[in-house]
Amino acid sequence: MAGKKYSSAIKNVDRTRRYNLAEACSLIPKVKISTKFDETVNIAVRLGVNPKHADQMVRGAAVMPHGTGKSVRVLAIAKGDKAKEAQEAGADFVGAEEFIDKIAKENWFEFDSMVATPDMMGLVGRIGRVLGPRGLMPNPKVGTVTADVGKAVRELKAGRVEFRVEKAGIVHAPIGKVSFGQEKLEDNLRSLLELLVKLKPASAKGTYMKSIVVSTTHGPGIKVDPGEILTALAKA
């Protein structure tokens, strides 16, 4: 059955064409496969970089204007006024040593993102080996190690997406749900792509944004023309 649904969905996409952002996002509802849940819409961007070189590593965090449609559980490692600030901002868990011990001794990972104040990183570093492989280690480059812990928590809860280029030079990220509709998906997609362009390493040569594909959880990919974003940024 899934094969028939996929074959039906793929008929809505011209595989030889690169769509503009509006066209690609308008096609999203036509390529979804599942009728049982609201599929996530994902983006895959192939960049002209070599992540093996430190000066060509592309990573960052984009705040989706309309969120991601996913509920994010945030753990804030902070003390005193900063702990209170994180709590008021909506962090699901706030504390210090007790949570570090809980993770180390009980293998507790009932959270999706961790935020820490700079003075707490010595403590967090003790469990770096278990946080790192799970992509949970706080990092100042993506704003999860910060004195402004309240802002970081609010952005994560609102739908901030962290990304990092993979070995093959591809960035994967969720940009929302099928139910968002064309306009919201387009806004989110544009925000992420504009940030990727701004993060272009000075040492990257040749074509930077080689290809863009958007897809639903189970649906076929839709190719997007990078030229529209590049032209818009050139005019800005």
Protein backbone atom coordinates (compact mmCIF):
# COMPACT_ATOMS: atom_id res chain seq x y z
CA MET A 1 0.00 0.00 0.00
CA ALA A 2 2.78 2.40 0.89
CA GLY A 3 4.36 1.72 -2.51
CA LYS A 4 1.15 2.70 -4.30
CA LYS A 5 0.82 5.88 -2.23
CA TYR A 6 4.41 6.85 -3.01
CA SER A 7 3.91 6.20 -6.73
CA SER A 8 0.79 8.36 -6.64
CA ALA A 9 2.55 11.17 -4.74
CA ILE A 10 5.58 11.26 -7.01
CA LYS A 11 3.35 11.92 -10.05
CA ASN A 12 2.79 15.42 -8.64
CA VAL A 13 6.48 16.29 -8.93
CA ASP A 14 8.45 17.10 -12.08
CA ARG A 15 11.74 15.38 -11.26
CA THR A 16 13.63 17.34 -13.91
CA ARG A 17 12.64 20.75 -12.57
CA ARG A 18 13.89 23.05 -9.83
CA TYR A 19 10.91 24.80 -8.25
CA ASN A 20 10.92 28.23 -6.63
CA LEU A 21 10.17 28.37 -2.88
CA ALA A 22 6.47 29.11 -3.22
CA GLU A 23 5.91 26.35 -5.78
CA ALA A 24 7.84 23.78 -3.75
CA CYS A 25 5.93 24.56 -0.55
CA SER A 26 2.58 24.46 -2.38
CA LEU A 27 3.40 20.91 -3.51
CA ILE A 28 4.07 19.64 0.03
CA PRO A 29 0.45 18.56 0.79
CA LYS A 30 0.35 16.70 -2.53
CA VAL A 31 3.38 14.53 -1.76
CA LYS A 32 2.57 13.47 1.81
CA ILE A 33 2.04 9.75 2.22
CA SER A 34 0.55 9.25 5.67
CA THR A 35 -3.05 10.08 6.58
CA LYS A 36 -2.52 8.94 10.18
CA PHE A 37 -0.17 11.68 11.40
CA ASP A 38 1.04 15.15 10.49
CA GLU A 39 4.27 14.47 8.61
CA THR A 40 7.36 16.58 9.27
CA VAL A 41 8.72 18.63 6.37
CA ASN A 42 12.50 18.32 6.03
CA ILE A 43 15.15 20.08 4.00
CA ALA A 44 18.45 18.72 2.67
CA VAL A 45 20.96 21.25 1.33
CA ARG A 46 24.15 20.12 -0.40
CA LEU A 47 26.87 22.69 0.12
CA GLY A 48 30.11 23.21 -1.76
CA VAL A 49 32.26 22.80 1.34
CA ASN A 50 34.65 20.20 2.70
CA PRO A 51 33.76 19.66 6.39
CA LYS A 52 37.11 17.90 6.91
CA HIS A 53 38.63 21.37 6.98
CA ALA A 54 37.83 23.27 10.18
CA ASP A 55 37.47 26.55 8.29
CA GLN A 56 34.74 25.04 6.11
CA MET A 57 32.56 23.68 8.90
CA VAL A 58 29.07 25.17 8.64
CA ARG A 59 26.93 25.03 11.76
CA GLY A 60 24.42 27.27 13.43
CA ALA A 61 20.88 27.63 14.72
CA ALA A 62 17.88 29.13 12.95
CA VAL A 63 14.77 30.33 14.76
CA MET A 64 11.82 29.21 12.66
CA PRO A 65 9.32 32.11 12.38
CA HIS A 66 6.44 29.67 12.81
CA GLY A 67 8.15 27.05 14.98
CA THR A 68 8.66 23.44 13.96
CA GLY A 69 5.44 21.91 15.22
CA LYS A 70 7.40 19.83 17.70
CA SER A 71 7.35 20.19 21.47
CA VAL A 72 10.92 20.60 22.74
CA ARG A 73 11.95 19.65 26.28
CA VAL A 74 14.71 21.95 27.51
CA LEU A 75 17.16 21.28 30.36
CA ALA A 76 18.92 24.39 31.67
CA ILE A 77 22.09 24.00 33.71
CA ALA A 78 22.30 27.16 35.78
CA LYS A 79 22.31 28.47 39.33
CA GLY A 80 20.90 31.39 41.27
CA ASP A 81 19.29 34.20 39.29
CA LYS A 82 20.13 32.49 36.00
CA ALA A 83 18.28 29.36 37.12
CA LYS A 84 15.25 31.50 37.97
CA GLU A 85 15.54 33.22 34.59
CA ALA A 86 15.57 29.86 32.77
CA GLN A 87 12.57 28.67 34.76
CA GLU A 88 10.57 31.78 34.00
CA ALA A 89 11.45 31.41 30.30
CA GLY A 90 9.81 27.98 30.25
CA ALA A 91 12.64 25.48 30.72
CA ASP A 92 11.27 22.02 31.54
CA PHE A 93 14.14 21.18 33.91
CA VAL A 94 16.46 23.57 35.73
CA GLY A 95 19.36 22.72 38.00
CA ALA A 96 23.06 21.91 38.18
CA GLU A 97 24.91 19.04 39.87
CA GLU A 98 21.75 17.01 40.46
CA PHE A 99 21.03 16.76 36.72
CA ILE A 100 24.65 16.12 35.77
CA ASP A 101 24.68 13.22 38.27
CA LYS A 102 21.31 11.97 37.03
CA ILE A 103 22.59 11.81 33.45
CA ALA A 104 25.93 10.23 34.45
CA LYS A 105 24.59 7.67 36.91
CA GLU A 106 21.06 6.94 35.68
CA ASN A 107 21.52 7.48 31.93
CA TRP A 108 18.68 10.01 32.09
CA PHE A 109 17.89 11.71 28.81
CA GLU A 110 14.32 12.94 29.15
CA PHE A 111 15.14 16.19 27.33
CA ASP A 112 15.74 17.32 23.75
CA SER A 113 18.09 20.29 24.24
CA MET A 114 20.48 21.48 26.92
CA VAL A 115 21.32 25.11 27.69
CA ALA A 116 24.07 26.13 30.09
CA THR A 117 25.54 29.34 31.45
CA PRO A 118 29.30 29.75 30.78
CA ASP A 119 30.22 29.23 34.45
CA MET A 120 28.54 25.81 34.38
CA MET A 121 30.49 24.39 31.45
CA GLY A 122 33.18 22.90 33.68
CA LEU A 123 30.41 20.86 35.27
CA VAL A 124 28.78 19.96 31.96
CA GLY A 125 32.17 18.92 30.56
CA ARG A 126 32.21 15.96 32.96
CA ILE A 127 29.52 14.26 30.85
CA GLY A 128 30.66 15.55 27.46
CA ARG A 129 31.39 12.03 26.28
CA VAL A 130 27.75 11.00 26.61
CA LEU A 131 26.23 14.31 25.49
CA GLY A 132 28.37 14.71 22.36
CA PRO A 133 27.30 11.58 20.43
CA ARG A 134 23.66 12.47 21.08
CA GLY A 135 24.07 16.01 19.81
CA LEU A 136 23.16 17.42 23.22
CA MET A 137 26.42 19.14 24.20
CA PRO A 138 25.85 22.89 24.69
CA ASN A 139 27.88 25.03 22.30
CA PRO A 140 28.42 28.80 22.19
CA LYS A 141 28.40 28.73 18.37
CA VAL A 142 24.73 27.77 18.34
CA GLY A 143 23.78 29.86 21.35
CA THR A 144 23.27 27.10 23.90
CA VAL A 145 26.16 28.27 26.07
CA THR A 146 25.16 31.78 27.02
CA ALA A 147 24.67 34.19 29.89
CA ASP A 148 21.32 35.11 28.32
CA VAL A 149 19.86 31.76 29.27
CA GLY A 150 16.28 33.05 29.22
CA LYS A 151 16.51 34.04 25.57
CA ALA A 152 18.08 30.69 24.64
CA VAL A 153 15.29 28.77 26.38
CA ARG A 154 12.56 30.86 24.75
CA GLU A 155 14.05 30.36 21.29
CA LEU A 156 14.36 26.61 21.75
CA LYS A 157 10.79 26.33 22.99
CA ALA A 158 9.58 28.50 20.11
CA GLY A 159 11.26 26.30 17.51
CA ARG A 160 14.96 26.94 17.06
CA VAL A 161 16.63 24.41 14.78
CA GLU A 162 20.29 23.56 15.22
CA PHE A 163 22.17 22.23 12.21
CA ARG A 164 25.64 21.06 11.29
CA VAL A 165 27.01 20.08 7.89
CA GLU A 166 27.63 16.34 7.60
CA LYS A 167 30.71 14.62 6.16
CA ALA A 168 29.18 14.56 2.69
CA GLY A 169 28.62 18.34 2.80
CA ILE A 170 24.86 18.09 3.42
CA VAL A 171 22.79 19.99 5.98
CA HIS A 172 19.57 18.32 7.15
CA ALA A 173 16.91 20.15 9.16
CA PRO A 174 13.15 20.08 9.88
CA ILE A 175 11.24 23.18 8.77
CA GLY A 176 7.74 22.41 10.05
CA LYS A 177 4.74 20.17 9.52
CA VAL A 178 2.59 19.51 6.43
CA SER A 179 -0.35 21.16 8.22
CA PHE A 180 1.51 24.50 8.38
CA GLY A 181 0.46 25.31 4.83
CA GLN A 182 2.40 27.01 2.04
CA GLU A 183 3.04 30.46 3.56
CA LYS A 184 4.39 29.29 6.93
CA LEU A 185 6.56 26.60 5.37
CA GLU A 186 7.91 29.12 2.87
CA ASP A 187 8.77 31.59 5.66
CA ASN A 188 10.58 28.90 7.64
CA LEU A 189 12.41 27.58 4.59
CA ARG A 190 13.51 31.06 3.56
CA SER A 191 14.83 31.84 7.08
CA LEU A 192 16.99 28.73 7.16
CA LEU A 193 18.36 29.17 3.64
CA GLU A 194 19.19 32.84 4.20
CA LEU A 195 21.14 31.92 7.33
CA LEU A 196 23.04 29.19 5.47
CA VAL A 197 24.08 31.70 2.82
CA LYS A 198 25.29 34.13 5.49
CA LEU A 199 27.34 31.34 7.07
CA LYS A 200 29.26 30.63 3.86
CA PRO A 201 32.93 30.08 4.82
CA ALA A 202 35.37 32.53 3.25
CA SER A 203 37.51 29.56 2.14
CA ALA A 204 34.65 27.85 0.23
CA LYS A 205 35.28 28.00 -3.51
CA GLY A 206 32.99 27.45 -6.48
CA THR A 207 29.23 26.95 -6.15
CA TYR A 208 28.26 27.14 -2.49
CA MET A 209 24.61 26.07 -2.49
CA LYS A 210 24.66 23.14 -4.92
CA SER A 211 21.22 21.63 -4.37
CA ILE A 212 18.15 21.94 -2.16
CA VAL A 213 15.52 19.26 -1.68
CA VAL A 214 12.41 19.45 0.53
CA SER A 215 10.35 16.40 1.44
CA THR A 216 7.83 15.09 3.92
CA THR A 217 8.65 12.25 6.33
CA HIS A 218 7.72 9.54 3.84
CA GLY A 219 7.15 11.46 0.62
CA PRO A 220 9.32 12.05 -2.46
CA GLY A 221 11.77 14.94 -2.66
CA ILE A 222 11.04 18.27 -4.37
CA LYS A 223 14.02 20.09 -5.87
CA VAL A 224 14.28 23.81 -5.08
CA ASP A 225 16.14 26.44 -7.09
CA PRO A 226 18.85 28.09 -4.90
CA GLY A 227 18.98 31.05 -7.28
CA GLU A 228 15.90 32.72 -5.80
CA ILE A 229 17.48 32.99 -2.33
CA LEU A 230 20.83 34.13 -3.68
CA THR A 231 19.21 36.81 -5.84
CA ALA A 232 17.07 38.08 -2.96
CA LEU A 233 20.08 38.37 -0.65
CA ALA A 234 22.13 40.14 -3.32
CA LYS A 235 19.43 42.82 -3.53
CA ALA A 236 19.11 43.19 0.26
